[in-house]
């Protein structure tokens, strides 16, 4: 929370009372967390001005994340155009540890309910079209480790997800180049997912399309999946050049 506050509001640094106010933490907790971040070089303290600002480790984390966020910038015009072409909701998501995080949503003429998905939402890899699309293109060893970690959460939070058949699903999804789920996250809404890969074929992100069940029957589904795979390839080519 403190790093997020300083990223958004602390270009010139912030004093501890300002951090307390923005974070709504009490003074003792704010001071303890801030000192810990200073000790780990995520923050630096200017004794003269008594302000805190982002430190070298924070910038290192930002640089490490840049490939995925750079990919988001490359993808944005393509995904905005896709949502306008189809009238459906299009999402951009990235891998974060054993989860996937939705970074941006482009609503079409038939938007999904606002409680369904929003930027910043995160889910376990193995749930949702984006998570399945990215997991399908990981190594078998990675898949097994992630599934073992995420299976209890998927089973408890997403009862419609068929986690017991996930191995076969991942094989099928990799073979066809996209994932398809009929309402495992939200009943009545179906989704397609296509991964965005780096030059070595490692998944970094995914584009997904979510719409009502009646708009994703087989003929339209295949057309949209092919269009999404084409867009994925265009974005990957742009990333390389």
C-alpha atoms as a PDB file:
ATOM      1  CA  UNK A   1       0.000   0.000   0.000  1.00  0.00           C
ATOM      2  CA  UNK A   2       2.774   2.462   0.918  1.00  0.00           C
ATOM      3  CA  UNK A   3       4.653   1.789  -2.329  1.00  0.00           C
ATOM      4  CA  UNK A   4       1.466   2.362  -4.311  1.00  0.00           C
ATOM      5  CA  UNK A   5       0.827   5.661  -2.536  1.00  0.00           C
ATOM      6  CA  UNK A   6       4.343   6.920  -3.190  1.00  0.00           C
ATOM      7  CA  UNK A   7       4.147   5.806  -6.815  1.00  0.00           C
ATOM      8  CA  UNK A   8       0.960   7.815  -7.361  1.00  0.00           C
ATOM      9  CA  UNK A   9       1.413  10.795  -5.071  1.00  0.00           C
ATOM     10  CA  UNK A  10       5.043  11.026  -4.013  1.00  0.00           C
ATOM     11  CA  UNK A  11       6.981  12.437  -6.960  1.00  0.00           C
ATOM     12  CA  UNK A  12       8.705  14.894  -4.583  1.00  0.00           C
ATOM     13  CA  UNK A  13       8.686  12.539  -1.629  1.00  0.00           C
ATOM     14  CA  UNK A  14       6.235  12.310   1.254  1.00  0.00           C
ATOM     15  CA  UNK A  15       6.560  12.826   4.984  1.00  0.00           C
ATOM     16  CA  UNK A  16       5.395  10.149   7.365  1.00  0.00           C
ATOM     17  CA  UNK A  17       2.259  12.072   8.381  1.00  0.00           C
ATOM     18  CA  UNK A  18       1.280  12.326   4.690  1.00  0.00           C
ATOM     19  CA  UNK A  19       1.783   8.570   4.281  1.00  0.00           C
ATOM     20  CA  UNK A  20      -0.360   7.974   7.373  1.00  0.00           C
ATOM     21  CA  UNK A  21      -3.137  10.159   5.986  1.00  0.00           C
ATOM     22  CA  UNK A  22      -3.151   8.589   2.511  1.00  0.00           C
ATOM     23  CA  UNK A  23      -2.838   5.008   3.770  1.00  0.00           C
ATOM     24  CA  UNK A  24      -5.226   5.431   6.730  1.00  0.00           C
ATOM     25  CA  UNK A  25      -2.735   3.489   8.841  1.00  0.00           C
ATOM     26  CA  UNK A  26      -1.985   4.488  12.412  1.00  0.00           C
ATOM     27  CA  UNK A  27       1.351   6.171  13.088  1.00  0.00           C
ATOM     28  CA  UNK A  28       3.021   3.116  14.636  1.00  0.00           C
ATOM     29  CA  UNK A  29       2.102   0.802  11.752  1.00  0.00           C
ATOM     30  CA  UNK A  30       2.991   3.353   9.066  1.00  0.00           C
ATOM     31  CA  UNK A  31       6.382   3.989  10.689  1.00  0.00           C
ATOM     32  CA  UNK A  32       7.130   0.287  11.081  1.00  0.00           C
ATOM     33  CA  UNK A  33       6.258  -0.559   7.476  1.00  0.00           C
ATOM     34  CA  UNK A  34       8.118   2.452   6.126  1.00  0.00           C
ATOM     35  CA  UNK A  35      11.277   1.581   8.069  1.00  0.00           C
ATOM     36  CA  UNK A  36      11.094  -1.995   6.770  1.00  0.00           C
ATOM     37  CA  UNK A  37      10.836  -0.747   3.186  1.00  0.00           C
ATOM     38  CA  UNK A  38      13.815   1.571   3.757  1.00  0.00           C
ATOM     39  CA  UNK A  39      15.888  -1.300   5.157  1.00  0.00           C
ATOM     40  CA  UNK A  40      15.148  -3.333   2.014  1.00  0.00           C
ATOM     41  CA  UNK A  41      15.957  -0.370  -0.294  1.00  0.00           C
ATOM     42  CA  UNK A  42      12.403  -0.111  -1.604  1.00  0.00           C
ATOM     43  CA  UNK A  43      12.273   3.385  -0.108  1.00  0.00           C
ATOM     44  CA  UNK A  44      14.906   5.998   0.673  1.00  0.00           C
ATOM     45  CA  UNK A  45      14.682   8.545   3.484  1.00  0.00           C
ATOM     46  CA  UNK A  46      15.946  12.102   3.059  1.00  0.00           C
ATOM     47  CA  UNK A  47      17.006  13.226   6.542  1.00  0.00           C
ATOM     48  CA  UNK A  48      17.130  16.875   5.471  1.00  0.00           C
ATOM     49  CA  UNK A  49      13.562  17.129   4.154  1.00  0.00           C
ATOM     50  CA  UNK A  50      12.255  14.214   6.286  1.00  0.00           C
ATOM     51  CA  UNK A  51      10.594  12.746   3.217  1.00  0.00           C
ATOM     52  CA  UNK A  52      10.408   9.226   1.819  1.00  0.00           C
ATOM     53  CA  UNK A  53      10.616   8.381  -1.881  1.00  0.00           C
ATOM     54  CA  UNK A  54      10.953   5.260  -4.018  1.00  0.00           C
ATOM     55  CA  UNK A  55      14.290   3.499  -3.720  1.00  0.00           C
ATOM     56  CA  UNK A  56      16.436   1.420  -6.101  1.00  0.00           C
ATOM     57  CA  UNK A  57      14.650  -1.870  -5.443  1.00  0.00           C
ATOM     58  CA  UNK A  58      11.308  -0.320  -6.420  1.00  0.00           C
ATOM     59  CA  UNK A  59      12.793   0.784  -9.730  1.00  0.00           C
ATOM     60  CA  UNK A  60      14.320  -2.656 -10.255  1.00  0.00           C
ATOM     61  CA  UNK A  61      10.874  -4.236  -9.792  1.00  0.00           C
ATOM     62  CA  UNK A  62       9.416  -1.730 -12.249  1.00  0.00           C
ATOM     63  CA  UNK A  63      12.053  -2.550 -14.860  1.00  0.00           C
ATOM     64  CA  UNK A  64      11.433  -6.282 -14.403  1.00  0.00           C
ATOM     65  CA  UNK A  65       7.711  -5.735 -15.023  1.00  0.00           C
ATOM     66  CA  UNK A  66       8.222  -3.446 -18.023  1.00  0.00           C
ATOM     67  CA  UNK A  67       8.085  -6.192 -20.721  1.00  0.00           C
ATOM     68  CA  UNK A  68       4.550  -7.119 -19.689  1.00  0.00           C
ATOM     69  CA  UNK A  69       3.356  -3.527 -19.368  1.00  0.00           C
ATOM     70  CA  UNK A  70       5.062  -2.622 -22.653  1.00  0.00           C
ATOM     71  CA  UNK A  71       3.111  -5.478 -24.161  1.00  0.00           C
ATOM     72  CA  UNK A  72      -0.072  -3.944 -22.774  1.00  0.00           C
ATOM     73  CA  UNK A  73       0.668  -0.678 -24.600  1.00  0.00           C
ATOM     74  CA  UNK A  74       1.287  -2.577 -27.839  1.00  0.00           C
ATOM     75  CA  UNK A  75      -1.907  -4.573 -27.394  1.00  0.00           C
ATOM     76  CA  UNK A  76      -4.246  -1.711 -26.505  1.00  0.00           C
ATOM     77  CA  UNK A  77      -5.137  -0.424 -29.999  1.00  0.00           C
ATOM     78  CA  UNK A  78      -5.670  -3.983 -31.264  1.00  0.00           C
ATOM     79  CA  UNK A  79      -7.946  -4.879 -28.364  1.00  0.00           C
ATOM     80  CA  UNK A  80      -9.904  -1.652 -28.538  1.00  0.00           C
ATOM     81  CA  UNK A  81     -10.493  -2.312 -32.234  1.00  0.00           C
ATOM     82  CA  UNK A  82     -11.538  -5.917 -31.539  1.00  0.00           C
ATOM     83  CA  UNK A  83     -14.126  -4.800 -28.977  1.00  0.00           C
ATOM     84  CA  UNK A  84     -15.541  -2.312 -31.485  1.00  0.00           C
ATOM     85  CA  UNK A  85     -15.590  -4.894 -34.294  1.00  0.00           C
ATOM     86  CA  UNK A  86     -17.287  -7.603 -32.258  1.00  0.00           C
ATOM     87  CA  UNK A  87     -19.351  -5.607 -29.782  1.00  0.00           C
ATOM     88  CA  UNK A  88     -17.997  -7.879 -27.048  1.00  0.00           C
ATOM     89  CA  UNK A  89     -15.875  -7.315 -23.941  1.00  0.00           C
ATOM     90  CA  UNK A  90     -12.117  -7.780 -24.492  1.00  0.00           C
ATOM     91  CA  UNK A  91      -9.555  -8.099 -21.697  1.00  0.00           C
ATOM     92  CA  UNK A  92      -5.782  -7.912 -21.341  1.00  0.00           C
ATOM     93  CA  UNK A  93      -4.221  -9.917 -18.506  1.00  0.00           C
ATOM     94  CA  UNK A  94      -0.729 -10.838 -17.314  1.00  0.00           C
ATOM     95  CA  UNK A  95       0.835 -13.636 -15.302  1.00  0.00           C
ATOM     96  CA  UNK A  96       1.707 -12.760 -11.713  1.00  0.00           C
ATOM     97  CA  UNK A  97       3.273 -15.689  -9.880  1.00  0.00           C
ATOM     98  CA  UNK A  98       0.700 -18.492  -9.868  1.00  0.00           C
ATOM     99  CA  UNK A  99      -2.116 -16.064 -10.644  1.00  0.00           C
ATOM    100  CA  UNK A 100      -3.264 -13.917 -13.536  1.00  0.00           C
ATOM    101  CA  UNK A 101      -4.201 -10.268 -13.184  1.00  0.00           C
ATOM    102  CA  UNK A 102      -6.630  -8.345 -15.385  1.00  0.00           C
ATOM    103  CA  UNK A 103      -4.976  -5.047 -16.356  1.00  0.00           C
ATOM    104  CA  UNK A 104      -7.452  -3.545 -18.806  1.00  0.00           C
ATOM    105  CA  UNK A 105     -10.967  -4.077 -20.128  1.00  0.00           C
ATOM    106  CA  UNK A 106     -12.461  -2.786 -23.375  1.00  0.00           C
ATOM    107  CA  UNK A 107     -16.240  -2.855 -23.348  1.00  0.00           C
ATOM    108  CA  UNK A 108     -18.158  -3.456 -26.550  1.00  0.00           C
ATOM    109  CA  UNK A 109     -21.800  -2.784 -27.293  1.00  0.00           C
ATOM    110  CA  UNK A 110     -22.752  -5.742 -25.079  1.00  0.00           C
ATOM    111  CA  UNK A 111     -20.654  -5.216 -21.926  1.00  0.00           C
ATOM    112  CA  UNK A 112     -20.441  -7.837 -19.234  1.00  0.00           C
ATOM    113  CA  UNK A 113     -21.986  -7.090 -15.816  1.00  0.00           C
ATOM    114  CA  UNK A 114     -19.745  -4.707 -13.833  1.00  0.00           C
ATOM    115  CA  UNK A 115     -19.355  -7.191 -10.976  1.00  0.00           C
ATOM    116  CA  UNK A 116     -17.968  -9.841 -13.348  1.00  0.00           C
ATOM    117  CA  UNK A 117     -14.441  -8.528 -13.933  1.00  0.00           C
ATOM    118  CA  UNK A 118     -12.603  -5.276 -13.380  1.00  0.00           C
ATOM    119  CA  UNK A 119      -8.974  -4.113 -13.775  1.00  0.00           C
ATOM    120  CA  UNK A 120      -6.891  -5.294 -10.860  1.00  0.00           C
ATOM    121  CA  UNK A 121      -8.878  -8.473 -10.279  1.00  0.00           C
ATOM    122  CA  UNK A 122      -6.706 -11.550  -9.919  1.00  0.00           C
ATOM    123  CA  UNK A 123      -7.483 -15.247 -10.211  1.00  0.00           C
ATOM    124  CA  UNK A 124      -5.514 -18.500  -9.978  1.00  0.00           C
ATOM    125  CA  UNK A 125      -3.890 -19.799 -13.141  1.00  0.00           C
ATOM    126  CA  UNK A 126      -6.143 -22.646 -14.194  1.00  0.00           C
ATOM    127  CA  UNK A 127      -9.339 -20.633 -13.761  1.00  0.00           C
ATOM    128  CA  UNK A 128     -10.804 -18.427 -16.487  1.00  0.00           C
ATOM    129  CA  UNK A 129     -10.010 -18.303 -20.182  1.00  0.00           C
ATOM    130  CA  UNK A 130      -6.950 -16.057 -19.731  1.00  0.00           C
ATOM    131  CA  UNK A 131      -5.484 -18.234 -16.997  1.00  0.00           C
ATOM    132  CA  UNK A 132      -6.056 -21.431 -18.954  1.00  0.00           C
ATOM    133  CA  UNK A 133      -4.641 -19.968 -22.177  1.00  0.00           C
ATOM    134  CA  UNK A 134      -1.396 -18.948 -20.457  1.00  0.00           C
ATOM    135  CA  UNK A 135      -1.103 -22.146 -18.431  1.00  0.00           C
ATOM    136  CA  UNK A 136      -1.579 -24.274 -21.567  1.00  0.00           C
ATOM    137  CA  UNK A 137       1.617 -22.869 -23.074  1.00  0.00           C
ATOM    138  CA  UNK A 138       3.801 -23.448 -20.004  1.00  0.00           C
ATOM    139  CA  UNK A 139       6.023 -26.486 -19.579  1.00  0.00           C
ATOM    140  CA  UNK A 140       4.501 -29.671 -18.192  1.00  0.00           C
ATOM    141  CA  UNK A 141       6.547 -29.299 -15.021  1.00  0.00           C
ATOM    142  CA  UNK A 142       5.286 -25.754 -14.442  1.00  0.00           C
ATOM    143  CA  UNK A 143       1.715 -26.829 -15.113  1.00  0.00           C
ATOM    144  CA  UNK A 144       1.871 -29.609 -12.552  1.00  0.00           C
ATOM    145  CA  UNK A 145       3.328 -27.346  -9.848  1.00  0.00           C
ATOM    146  CA  UNK A 146       0.805 -24.575 -10.462  1.00  0.00           C
ATOM    147  CA  UNK A 147      -2.175 -26.933 -10.603  1.00  0.00           C
ATOM    148  CA  UNK A 148      -1.106 -28.574  -7.334  1.00  0.00           C
ATOM    149  CA  UNK A 149      -0.935 -25.146  -5.651  1.00  0.00           C
ATOM    150  CA  UNK A 150      -4.110 -23.708  -7.163  1.00  0.00           C
ATOM    151  CA  UNK A 151      -6.427 -26.721  -7.246  1.00  0.00           C
ATOM    152  CA  UNK A 152      -7.917 -26.235  -3.737  1.00  0.00           C
ATOM    153  CA  UNK A 153      -8.702 -22.572  -4.420  1.00  0.00           C
ATOM    154  CA  UNK A 154     -10.204 -23.282  -7.848  1.00  0.00           C
ATOM    155  CA  UNK A 155     -12.388 -26.054  -6.440  1.00  0.00           C
ATOM    156  CA  UNK A 156     -13.644 -23.896  -3.564  1.00  0.00           C
ATOM    157  CA  UNK A 157     -14.151 -20.595  -5.405  1.00  0.00           C
ATOM    158  CA  UNK A 158     -15.041 -21.763  -8.926  1.00  0.00           C
ATOM    159  CA  UNK A 159     -17.254 -24.841  -8.552  1.00  0.00           C
ATOM    160  CA  UNK A 160     -18.169 -24.857 -12.254  1.00  0.00           C
ATOM    161  CA  UNK A 161     -14.510 -25.192 -13.316  1.00  0.00           C
ATOM    162  CA  UNK A 162     -13.711 -28.813 -14.151  1.00  0.00           C
ATOM    163  CA  UNK A 163     -10.304 -28.916 -12.504  1.00  0.00           C
ATOM    164  CA  UNK A 164     -10.169 -32.728 -12.492  1.00  0.00           C
ATOM    165  CA  UNK A 165      -9.939 -32.730 -16.301  1.00  0.00           C
ATOM    166  CA  UNK A 166      -7.578 -29.786 -16.573  1.00  0.00           C
ATOM    167  CA  UNK A 167      -4.649 -31.819 -17.965  1.00  0.00           C
ATOM    168  CA  UNK A 168      -6.646 -32.826 -21.034  1.00  0.00           C
ATOM    169  CA  UNK A 169      -8.074 -29.330 -21.391  1.00  0.00           C
ATOM    170  CA  UNK A 170      -4.591 -27.823 -21.437  1.00  0.00           C
ATOM    171  CA  UNK A 171      -3.488 -30.253 -24.152  1.00  0.00           C
ATOM    172  CA  UNK A 172      -6.548 -29.411 -26.224  1.00  0.00           C
ATOM    173  CA  UNK A 173      -6.148 -25.670 -25.731  1.00  0.00           C
ATOM    174  CA  UNK A 174      -2.476 -25.714 -26.725  1.00  0.00           C
ATOM    175  CA  UNK A 175      -3.256 -27.837 -29.772  1.00  0.00           C
ATOM    176  CA  UNK A 176      -5.945 -25.470 -31.051  1.00  0.00           C
ATOM    177  CA  UNK A 177      -4.142 -22.294 -29.955  1.00  0.00           C
ATOM    178  CA  UNK A 178      -6.852 -20.896 -27.689  1.00  0.00           C
ATOM    179  CA  UNK A 179      -8.878 -21.677 -24.589  1.00  0.00           C
ATOM    180  CA  UNK A 180     -12.644 -21.822 -24.344  1.00  0.00           C
ATOM    181  CA  UNK A 181     -14.716 -21.929 -21.165  1.00  0.00           C
ATOM    182  CA  UNK A 182     -18.512 -22.066 -20.961  1.00  0.00           C
ATOM    183  CA  UNK A 183     -19.320 -20.028 -17.883  1.00  0.00           C
ATOM    184  CA  UNK A 184     -16.882 -21.415 -15.317  1.00  0.00           C
ATOM    185  CA  UNK A 185     -16.277 -17.986 -13.775  1.00  0.00           C
ATOM    186  CA  UNK A 186     -19.691 -16.417 -14.293  1.00  0.00           C
ATOM    187  CA  UNK A 187     -22.746 -18.432 -15.260  1.00  0.00           C
ATOM    188  CA  UNK A 188     -24.299 -17.395 -18.568  1.00  0.00           C
ATOM    189  CA  UNK A 189     -21.075 -15.823 -19.872  1.00  0.00           C
ATOM    190  CA  UNK A 190     -18.631 -17.717 -22.051  1.00  0.00           C
ATOM    191  CA  UNK A 191     -15.046 -16.778 -22.884  1.00  0.00           C
ATOM    192  CA  UNK A 192     -12.157 -17.303 -25.281  1.00  0.00           C
ATOM    193  CA  UNK A 193      -8.498 -16.788 -24.395  1.00  0.00           C
ATOM    194  CA  UNK A 194      -5.335 -16.524 -26.484  1.00  0.00           C
ATOM    195  CA  UNK A 195      -1.818 -16.224 -25.007  1.00  0.00           C
ATOM    196  CA  UNK A 196       0.809 -13.632 -25.919  1.00  0.00           C
ATOM    197  CA  UNK A 197       4.221 -15.309 -26.047  1.00  0.00           C
ATOM    198  CA  UNK A 198       7.778 -14.027 -25.963  1.00  0.00           C
ATOM    199  CA  UNK A 199      10.395 -14.952 -28.573  1.00  0.00           C
ATOM    200  CA  UNK A 200      11.050 -18.260 -26.773  1.00  0.00           C
ATOM    201  CA  UNK A 201       7.391 -19.233 -26.695  1.00  0.00           C
ATOM    202  CA  UNK A 202       6.936 -18.451 -22.995  1.00  0.00           C
ATOM    203  CA  UNK A 203       3.541 -16.942 -22.119  1.00  0.00           C
ATOM    204  CA  UNK A 204       3.659 -13.382 -20.772  1.00  0.00           C
ATOM    205  CA  UNK A 205       0.045 -12.294 -21.078  1.00  0.00           C
ATOM    206  CA  UNK A 206      -3.292 -13.135 -22.657  1.00  0.00           C
ATOM    207  CA  UNK A 207      -6.126 -11.525 -24.521  1.00  0.00           C
ATOM    208  CA  UNK A 208      -9.593 -12.804 -23.798  1.00  0.00           C
ATOM    209  CA  UNK A 209     -13.104 -12.145 -24.979  1.00  0.00           C
ATOM    210  CA  UNK A 210     -16.125 -12.513 -22.697  1.00  0.00           C
ATOM    211  CA  UNK A 211     -19.707 -12.425 -23.886  1.00  0.00           C
ATOM    212  CA  UNK A 212     -23.105 -13.947 -23.292  1.00  0.00           C
ATOM    213  CA  UNK A 213     -23.624 -17.618 -24.049  1.00  0.00           C
ATOM    214  CA  UNK A 214     -25.852 -16.985 -27.074  1.00  0.00           C
ATOM    215  CA  UNK A 215     -23.122 -14.876 -28.739  1.00  0.00           C
ATOM    216  CA  UNK A 216     -20.444 -17.554 -28.558  1.00  0.00           C
ATOM    217  CA  UNK A 217     -21.935 -20.548 -30.301  1.00  0.00           C
ATOM    218  CA  UNK A 218     -19.676 -22.733 -32.445  1.00  0.00           C
ATOM    219  CA  UNK A 219     -19.603 -20.870 -35.780  1.00  0.00           C
ATOM    220  CA  UNK A 220     -18.993 -17.425 -34.275  1.00  0.00           C
ATOM    221  CA  UNK A 221     -16.636 -18.909 -31.693  1.00  0.00           C
ATOM    222  CA  UNK A 222     -14.304 -20.263 -34.375  1.00  0.00           C
ATOM    223  CA  UNK A 223     -14.318 -16.977 -36.286  1.00  0.00           C
ATOM    224  CA  UNK A 224     -13.487 -15.001 -33.142  1.00  0.00           C
ATOM    225  CA  UNK A 225     -10.804 -17.451 -32.009  1.00  0.00           C
ATOM    226  CA  UNK A 226      -9.039 -17.194 -35.378  1.00  0.00           C
ATOM    227  CA  UNK A 227      -9.261 -13.385 -35.273  1.00  0.00           C
ATOM    228  CA  UNK A 228      -7.815 -13.330 -31.744  1.00  0.00           C
ATOM    229  CA  UNK A 229      -4.932 -15.623 -32.722  1.00  0.00           C
ATOM    230  CA  UNK A 230      -4.200 -13.321 -35.667  1.00  0.00           C
ATOM    231  CA  UNK A 231      -4.142 -10.312 -33.335  1.00  0.00           C
ATOM    232  CA  UNK A 232      -1.896 -12.180 -30.886  1.00  0.00           C
ATOM    233  CA  UNK A 233       0.596 -12.879 -33.658  1.00  0.00           C
ATOM    234  CA  UNK A 234       0.525  -9.237 -34.782  1.00  0.00           C
ATOM    235  CA  UNK A 235       1.251  -8.041 -31.245  1.00  0.00           C
ATOM    236  CA  UNK A 236       4.065 -10.568 -30.811  1.00  0.00           C
ATOM    237  CA  UNK A 237       5.606  -9.507 -34.130  1.00  0.00           C
ATOM    238  CA  UNK A 238       5.452  -5.857 -33.068  1.00  0.00           C
ATOM    239  CA  UNK A 239       7.123  -6.750 -29.779  1.00  0.00           C
ATOM    240  CA  UNK A 240      10.028  -8.419 -31.564  1.00  0.00           C
ATOM    241  CA  UNK A 241      10.551  -5.523 -33.997  1.00  0.00           C
END
